[in-house]
Amino acid sequence: MIKCFRSHQIEDPQSDYHLEAHQCFICGRTFDPTPGLQVCEKCQWYRCPDCGGCLCSLTPGDQVWLNFVRSVICQSPESLAFLDLSLLPETQNPNLRAGILTQLHFCQKEARKLWRETEELR
């Protein structure tokens, strides 16, 4: 099971996660998660307002790539805080890579903030 670092952000309706721009992994459109935006009943991802894409819309190969990236990168604030995002593996789907980079930039910002707070307590 992947322990997404941002899961606490996703579960909190007051979190900045719900204000950040999202990028569709299918068509590449950037959209804001406005109230009333559809969420897929199966995967719980926002559906793209243009193409309706969500996690379920990715090919099996793209889903494997995404799970690999998340299993390596998204396990802890420490693993994410100072990660060189240019080292993200290549994929045949440029929208998938661009979308995950958008998410990882948000997560990295949150991870660095958490890391700084932890360092200040030491």
N, C-alpha and C. Protein backbone atom coordinates (compact mmCIF):
# COMPACT_ATOMS: atom_id res chain seq x y z
N MET A 1 0.84 -1.19 0.00
CA MET A 1 0.00 0.00 0.00
C MET A 1 0.88 1.24 0.00
N ILE A 2 0.59 2.17 -0.86
CA ILE A 2 1.36 3.40 -0.96
C ILE A 2 0.86 4.39 0.10
N LYS A 3 1.78 4.90 0.89
CA LYS A 3 1.44 5.89 1.90
C LYS A 3 1.67 7.27 1.30
N CYS A 4 0.71 7.77 0.57
CA CYS A 4 0.87 9.07 -0.07
C CYS A 4 1.10 10.14 0.98
N PHE A 5 2.18 10.87 0.84
CA PHE A 5 2.53 11.93 1.78
C PHE A 5 1.40 12.95 1.90
N ARG A 6 0.70 13.20 0.80
CA ARG A 6 -0.32 14.23 0.81
C ARG A 6 -1.69 13.72 1.19
N SER A 7 -1.81 12.46 1.63
CA SER A 7 -3.12 11.92 1.96
C SER A 7 -3.82 12.74 3.04
N HIS A 8 -3.05 13.24 4.02
CA HIS A 8 -3.69 14.08 5.05
C HIS A 8 -4.19 15.39 4.45
N GLN A 9 -3.50 15.89 3.41
CA GLN A 9 -3.94 17.10 2.72
C GLN A 9 -5.24 16.84 1.96
N ILE A 10 -5.32 15.70 1.30
CA ILE A 10 -6.49 15.35 0.50
C ILE A 10 -7.71 15.17 1.40
N GLU A 11 -7.51 14.54 2.56
CA GLU A 11 -8.62 14.25 3.46
C GLU A 11 -9.15 15.49 4.17
N ASP A 12 -8.35 16.53 4.27
CA ASP A 12 -8.75 17.76 4.96
C ASP A 12 -9.38 18.73 3.96
N PRO A 13 -10.70 18.97 4.06
CA PRO A 13 -11.35 19.86 3.09
C PRO A 13 -10.85 21.30 3.16
N GLN A 14 -10.17 21.70 4.23
CA GLN A 14 -9.64 23.05 4.37
C GLN A 14 -8.21 23.17 3.87
N SER A 15 -7.64 22.08 3.41
CA SER A 15 -6.25 22.05 2.97
C SER A 15 -6.02 22.84 1.69
N ASP A 16 -4.80 23.36 1.56
CA ASP A 16 -4.41 24.07 0.34
C ASP A 16 -4.47 23.16 -0.88
N TYR A 17 -4.42 21.85 -0.68
CA TYR A 17 -4.50 20.90 -1.79
C TYR A 17 -5.73 21.18 -2.64
N HIS A 18 -6.83 21.53 -1.99
CA HIS A 18 -8.09 21.75 -2.70
C HIS A 18 -8.15 23.10 -3.39
N LEU A 19 -7.10 23.89 -3.25
CA LEU A 19 -7.02 25.17 -3.92
C LEU A 19 -5.99 25.17 -5.05
N GLU A 20 -5.11 24.17 -5.06
CA GLU A 20 -4.04 24.14 -6.04
C GLU A 20 -4.56 23.73 -7.42
N ALA A 21 -3.88 24.21 -8.44
CA ALA A 21 -4.23 23.81 -9.80
C ALA A 21 -3.88 22.33 -9.99
N HIS A 22 -4.73 21.62 -10.68
CA HIS A 22 -4.51 20.22 -11.01
C HIS A 22 -4.27 20.13 -12.52
N GLN A 23 -3.53 19.13 -12.93
CA GLN A 23 -3.31 18.93 -14.36
C GLN A 23 -3.79 17.53 -14.71
N CYS A 24 -4.63 17.45 -15.73
CA CYS A 24 -5.17 16.17 -16.16
C CYS A 24 -4.06 15.29 -16.70
N PHE A 25 -3.99 14.06 -16.23
CA PHE A 25 -2.99 13.11 -16.69
C PHE A 25 -3.34 12.53 -18.06
N ILE A 26 -4.56 12.79 -18.52
CA ILE A 26 -5.02 12.25 -19.80
C ILE A 26 -4.86 13.28 -20.91
N CYS A 27 -5.49 14.45 -20.77
CA CYS A 27 -5.46 15.44 -21.86
C CYS A 27 -4.48 16.59 -21.61
N GLY A 28 -4.00 16.73 -20.36
CA GLY A 28 -3.02 17.76 -20.05
C GLY A 28 -3.61 19.09 -19.61
N ARG A 29 -4.93 19.22 -19.59
CA ARG A 29 -5.55 20.50 -19.19
C ARG A 29 -5.27 20.79 -17.72
N THR A 30 -4.99 22.04 -17.43
CA THR A 30 -4.86 22.49 -16.05
C THR A 30 -6.21 23.04 -15.61
N PHE A 31 -6.65 22.62 -14.42
CA PHE A 31 -7.94 23.07 -13.91
C PHE A 31 -7.87 23.25 -12.40
N ASP A 32 -8.76 24.11 -11.90
CA ASP A 32 -8.87 24.32 -10.46
C ASP A 32 -9.98 23.43 -9.92
N PRO A 33 -9.75 22.82 -8.76
CA PRO A 33 -10.78 21.94 -8.18
C PRO A 33 -11.89 22.75 -7.51
N THR A 34 -12.76 23.30 -8.32
CA THR A 34 -13.85 24.13 -7.82
C THR A 34 -14.93 23.26 -7.18
N PRO A 35 -15.72 23.85 -6.27
CA PRO A 35 -16.83 23.09 -5.70
C PRO A 35 -17.74 22.57 -6.80
N GLY A 36 -18.18 21.37 -6.65
CA GLY A 36 -19.05 20.76 -7.65
C GLY A 36 -18.31 19.99 -8.72
N LEU A 37 -16.97 20.07 -8.72
CA LEU A 37 -16.19 19.30 -9.69
C LEU A 37 -16.41 17.81 -9.41
N GLN A 38 -16.65 17.05 -10.44
CA GLN A 38 -16.94 15.63 -10.26
C GLN A 38 -15.73 14.87 -9.73
N VAL A 39 -16.01 13.92 -8.85
CA VAL A 39 -15.01 13.00 -8.33
C VAL A 39 -15.43 11.61 -8.78
N CYS A 40 -14.49 10.82 -9.28
CA CYS A 40 -14.78 9.46 -9.71
C CYS A 40 -15.17 8.61 -8.50
N GLU A 41 -16.25 7.90 -8.60
CA GLU A 41 -16.71 7.05 -7.49
C GLU A 41 -15.76 5.89 -7.23
N LYS A 42 -15.06 5.44 -8.26
CA LYS A 42 -14.18 4.28 -8.10
C LYS A 42 -12.82 4.66 -7.53
N CYS A 43 -12.14 5.64 -8.14
CA CYS A 43 -10.76 5.96 -7.74
C CYS A 43 -10.66 7.18 -6.83
N GLN A 44 -11.74 7.95 -6.69
CA GLN A 44 -11.79 9.14 -5.83
C GLN A 44 -10.91 10.29 -6.33
N TRP A 45 -10.54 10.29 -7.59
CA TRP A 45 -9.80 11.40 -8.18
C TRP A 45 -10.79 12.37 -8.79
N TYR A 46 -10.38 13.66 -8.84
CA TYR A 46 -11.18 14.64 -9.57
C TYR A 46 -11.22 14.22 -11.04
N ARG A 47 -12.39 14.40 -11.66
CA ARG A 47 -12.51 14.16 -13.11
C ARG A 47 -12.18 15.46 -13.84
N CYS A 48 -11.42 15.34 -14.91
CA CYS A 48 -11.08 16.50 -15.72
C CYS A 48 -12.36 17.10 -16.30
N PRO A 49 -12.54 18.41 -16.19
CA PRO A 49 -13.74 19.03 -16.76
C PRO A 49 -13.79 18.97 -18.28
N ASP A 50 -12.64 18.75 -18.95
CA ASP A 50 -12.63 18.66 -20.42
C ASP A 50 -12.90 17.24 -20.91
N CYS A 51 -12.05 16.31 -20.48
CA CYS A 51 -12.13 14.95 -21.04
C CYS A 51 -12.79 13.95 -20.09
N GLY A 52 -13.01 14.32 -18.84
CA GLY A 52 -13.61 13.40 -17.87
C GLY A 52 -12.63 12.40 -17.31
N GLY A 53 -11.34 12.56 -17.64
CA GLY A 53 -10.32 11.61 -17.21
C GLY A 53 -10.08 11.62 -15.71
N CYS A 54 -9.68 10.45 -15.20
CA CYS A 54 -9.32 10.26 -13.80
C CYS A 54 -8.29 9.13 -13.75
N LEU A 55 -7.97 8.64 -12.59
CA LEU A 55 -7.00 7.54 -12.48
C LEU A 55 -7.45 6.33 -13.29
N CYS A 56 -8.74 6.05 -13.28
CA CYS A 56 -9.27 4.90 -14.02
C CYS A 56 -9.04 5.02 -15.52
N SER A 57 -8.86 6.23 -16.02
CA SER A 57 -8.70 6.46 -17.45
C SER A 57 -7.28 6.19 -17.95
N LEU A 58 -6.33 6.05 -17.04
CA LEU A 58 -4.95 5.77 -17.44
C LEU A 58 -4.81 4.34 -17.95
N THR A 59 -3.90 4.14 -18.88
CA THR A 59 -3.63 2.79 -19.36
C THR A 59 -3.01 1.97 -18.23
N PRO A 60 -3.08 0.64 -18.31
CA PRO A 60 -2.44 -0.18 -17.27
C PRO A 60 -0.95 0.15 -17.12
N GLY A 61 -0.26 0.41 -18.23
CA GLY A 61 1.16 0.76 -18.16
C GLY A 61 1.39 2.07 -17.44
N ASP A 62 0.52 3.06 -17.69
CA ASP A 62 0.64 4.35 -17.01
C ASP A 62 0.33 4.21 -15.52
N GLN A 63 -0.61 3.34 -15.18
CA GLN A 63 -0.92 3.12 -13.77
C GLN A 63 0.26 2.47 -13.04
N VAL A 64 0.93 1.53 -13.70
CA VAL A 64 2.13 0.90 -13.12
C VAL A 64 3.21 1.96 -12.91
N TRP A 65 3.45 2.82 -13.90
CA TRP A 65 4.46 3.87 -13.79
C TRP A 65 4.14 4.79 -12.62
N LEU A 66 2.87 5.21 -12.52
CA LEU A 66 2.46 6.12 -11.46
C LEU A 66 2.64 5.47 -10.09
N ASN A 67 2.24 4.21 -9.96
CA ASN A 67 2.40 3.52 -8.68
C ASN A 67 3.88 3.35 -8.32
N PHE A 68 4.72 3.12 -9.31
CA PHE A 68 6.16 3.01 -9.06
C PHE A 68 6.71 4.34 -8.54
N VAL A 69 6.38 5.42 -9.23
CA VAL A 69 6.87 6.74 -8.82
C VAL A 69 6.40 7.05 -7.41
N ARG A 70 5.12 6.84 -7.15
CA ARG A 70 4.59 7.14 -5.82
C ARG A 70 5.19 6.24 -4.76
N SER A 71 5.47 4.98 -5.08
CA SER A 71 6.03 4.07 -4.08
C SER A 71 7.47 4.42 -3.74
N VAL A 72 8.18 5.07 -4.65
CA VAL A 72 9.57 5.46 -4.42
C VAL A 72 9.65 6.85 -3.78
N ILE A 73 8.85 7.78 -4.27
CA ILE A 73 9.00 9.19 -3.90
C ILE A 73 8.09 9.62 -2.75
N CYS A 74 6.90 9.11 -2.70
CA CYS A 74 5.87 9.68 -1.82
C CYS A 74 5.75 9.01 -0.46
N GLN A 75 6.78 8.37 0.01
CA GLN A 75 6.68 7.63 1.25
C GLN A 75 6.87 8.47 2.51
N SER A 76 7.62 9.54 2.42
CA SER A 76 7.87 10.33 3.62
C SER A 76 8.25 11.76 3.24
N PRO A 77 8.06 12.68 4.17
CA PRO A 77 8.50 14.05 3.89
C PRO A 77 9.99 14.13 3.61
N GLU A 78 10.78 13.30 4.31
CA GLU A 78 12.23 13.32 4.11
C GLU A 78 12.61 12.90 2.70
N SER A 79 11.91 11.88 2.17
CA SER A 79 12.25 11.41 0.82
C SER A 79 11.85 12.42 -0.25
N LEU A 80 10.93 13.27 0.07
CA LEU A 80 10.40 14.22 -0.91
C LEU A 80 10.98 15.62 -0.78
N ALA A 81 11.34 16.02 0.41
CA ALA A 81 11.71 17.42 0.66
C ALA A 81 12.83 17.92 -0.24
N PHE A 82 13.84 17.11 -0.46
CA PHE A 82 14.99 17.58 -1.23
C PHE A 82 15.26 16.72 -2.46
N LEU A 83 14.24 16.06 -2.93
CA LEU A 83 14.34 15.24 -4.13
C LEU A 83 14.53 16.11 -5.36
N ASP A 84 15.44 15.71 -6.22
CA ASP A 84 15.64 16.40 -7.50
C ASP A 84 14.58 15.87 -8.46
N LEU A 85 13.55 16.68 -8.71
CA LEU A 85 12.43 16.23 -9.53
C LEU A 85 12.81 15.99 -10.98
N SER A 86 13.97 16.49 -11.40
CA SER A 86 14.42 16.20 -12.76
C SER A 86 14.79 14.73 -12.92
N LEU A 87 14.95 14.02 -11.81
CA LEU A 87 15.29 12.60 -11.85
C LEU A 87 14.07 11.69 -12.01
N LEU A 88 12.91 12.30 -12.12
CA LEU A 88 11.68 11.52 -12.33
C LEU A 88 11.82 10.70 -13.60
N PRO A 89 11.51 9.39 -13.54
CA PRO A 89 11.69 8.56 -14.74
C PRO A 89 10.83 9.02 -15.91
N GLU A 90 11.29 8.73 -17.09
CA GLU A 90 10.55 9.07 -18.30
C GLU A 90 9.35 8.13 -18.46
N THR A 91 8.37 8.60 -19.19
CA THR A 91 7.19 7.81 -19.51
C THR A 91 6.76 8.17 -20.93
N GLN A 92 6.01 7.30 -21.55
CA GLN A 92 5.52 7.56 -22.90
C GLN A 92 4.39 8.59 -22.91
N ASN A 93 3.79 8.84 -21.73
CA ASN A 93 2.67 9.76 -21.62
C ASN A 93 3.17 11.09 -21.05
N PRO A 94 3.39 12.10 -21.90
CA PRO A 94 3.91 13.38 -21.39
C PRO A 94 2.94 14.08 -20.44
N ASN A 95 1.64 13.88 -20.60
CA ASN A 95 0.66 14.49 -19.69
C ASN A 95 0.75 13.87 -18.29
N LEU A 96 1.03 12.59 -18.23
CA LEU A 96 1.18 11.92 -16.94
C LEU A 96 2.39 12.47 -16.20
N ARG A 97 3.50 12.59 -16.89
CA ARG A 97 4.73 13.12 -16.26
C ARG A 97 4.53 14.57 -15.82
N ALA A 98 3.92 15.39 -16.67
CA ALA A 98 3.68 16.79 -16.33
C ALA A 98 2.71 16.90 -15.15
N GLY A 99 1.69 16.06 -15.15
CA GLY A 99 0.70 16.08 -14.06
C GLY A 99 1.30 15.68 -12.73
N ILE A 100 2.11 14.63 -12.73
CA ILE A 100 2.72 14.20 -11.48
C ILE A 100 3.75 15.21 -11.00
N LEU A 101 4.44 15.88 -11.93
CA LEU A 101 5.37 16.94 -11.52
C LEU A 101 4.63 18.09 -10.85
N THR A 102 3.45 18.45 -11.35
CA THR A 102 2.63 19.49 -10.73
C THR A 102 2.30 19.08 -9.30
N GLN A 103 1.88 17.83 -9.12
CA GLN A 103 1.55 17.35 -7.78
C GLN A 103 2.78 17.31 -6.89
N LEU A 104 3.89 16.83 -7.42
CA LEU A 104 5.10 16.70 -6.60
C LEU A 104 5.67 18.05 -6.19
N HIS A 105 5.50 19.08 -7.01
CA HIS A 105 5.93 20.42 -6.61
C HIS A 105 5.15 20.87 -5.38
N PHE A 106 3.84 20.62 -5.38
CA PHE A 106 3.02 20.96 -4.22
C PHE A 106 3.49 20.15 -3.01
N CYS A 107 3.65 18.85 -3.18
CA CYS A 107 4.06 17.98 -2.07
C CYS A 107 5.43 18.37 -1.55
N GLN A 108 6.34 18.72 -2.45
CA GLN A 108 7.69 19.08 -2.03
C GLN A 108 7.67 20.35 -1.19
N LYS A 109 6.84 21.30 -1.58
CA LYS A 109 6.71 22.53 -0.81
C LYS A 109 6.20 22.21 0.60
N GLU A 110 5.19 21.36 0.70
CA GLU A 110 4.64 20.97 2.00
C GLU A 110 5.66 20.17 2.81
N ALA A 111 6.41 19.29 2.15
CA ALA A 111 7.42 18.47 2.83
C ALA A 111 8.54 19.35 3.38
N ARG A 112 8.97 20.33 2.62
CA ARG A 112 10.02 21.23 3.10
C ARG A 112 9.56 22.06 4.29
N LYS A 113 8.30 22.49 4.24
CA LYS A 113 7.74 23.24 5.36
C LYS A 113 7.72 22.37 6.61
N LEU A 114 7.28 21.13 6.48
CA LEU A 114 7.26 20.20 7.60
C LEU A 114 8.68 19.91 8.10
N TRP A 115 9.63 19.75 7.19
CA TRP A 115 11.01 19.49 7.56
C TRP A 115 11.59 20.66 8.35
N ARG A 116 11.32 21.89 7.88
CA ARG A 116 11.82 23.08 8.60
C ARG A 116 11.23 23.17 10.01
N GLU A 117 9.93 22.88 10.13
CA GLU A 117 9.30 22.90 11.44
C GLU A 117 9.92 21.86 12.36
N THR A 118 10.22 20.68 11.83
CA THR A 118 10.84 19.62 12.61
C THR A 118 12.24 20.02 13.04
N GLU A 119 12.99 20.65 12.15
CA GLU A 119 14.35 21.08 12.45
C GLU A 119 14.36 22.17 13.53
N GLU A 120 13.38 23.04 13.50
CA GLU A 120 13.30 24.11 14.50
C GLU A 120 13.03 23.55 15.90
N LEU A 121 12.38 22.40 15.97
CA LEU A 121 12.08 21.79 17.26
C LEU A 121 13.28 21.08 17.85
N ARG A 122 14.28 20.80 17.04
CA ARG A 122 15.47 20.07 17.52
C ARG A 122 16.40 20.97 18.26
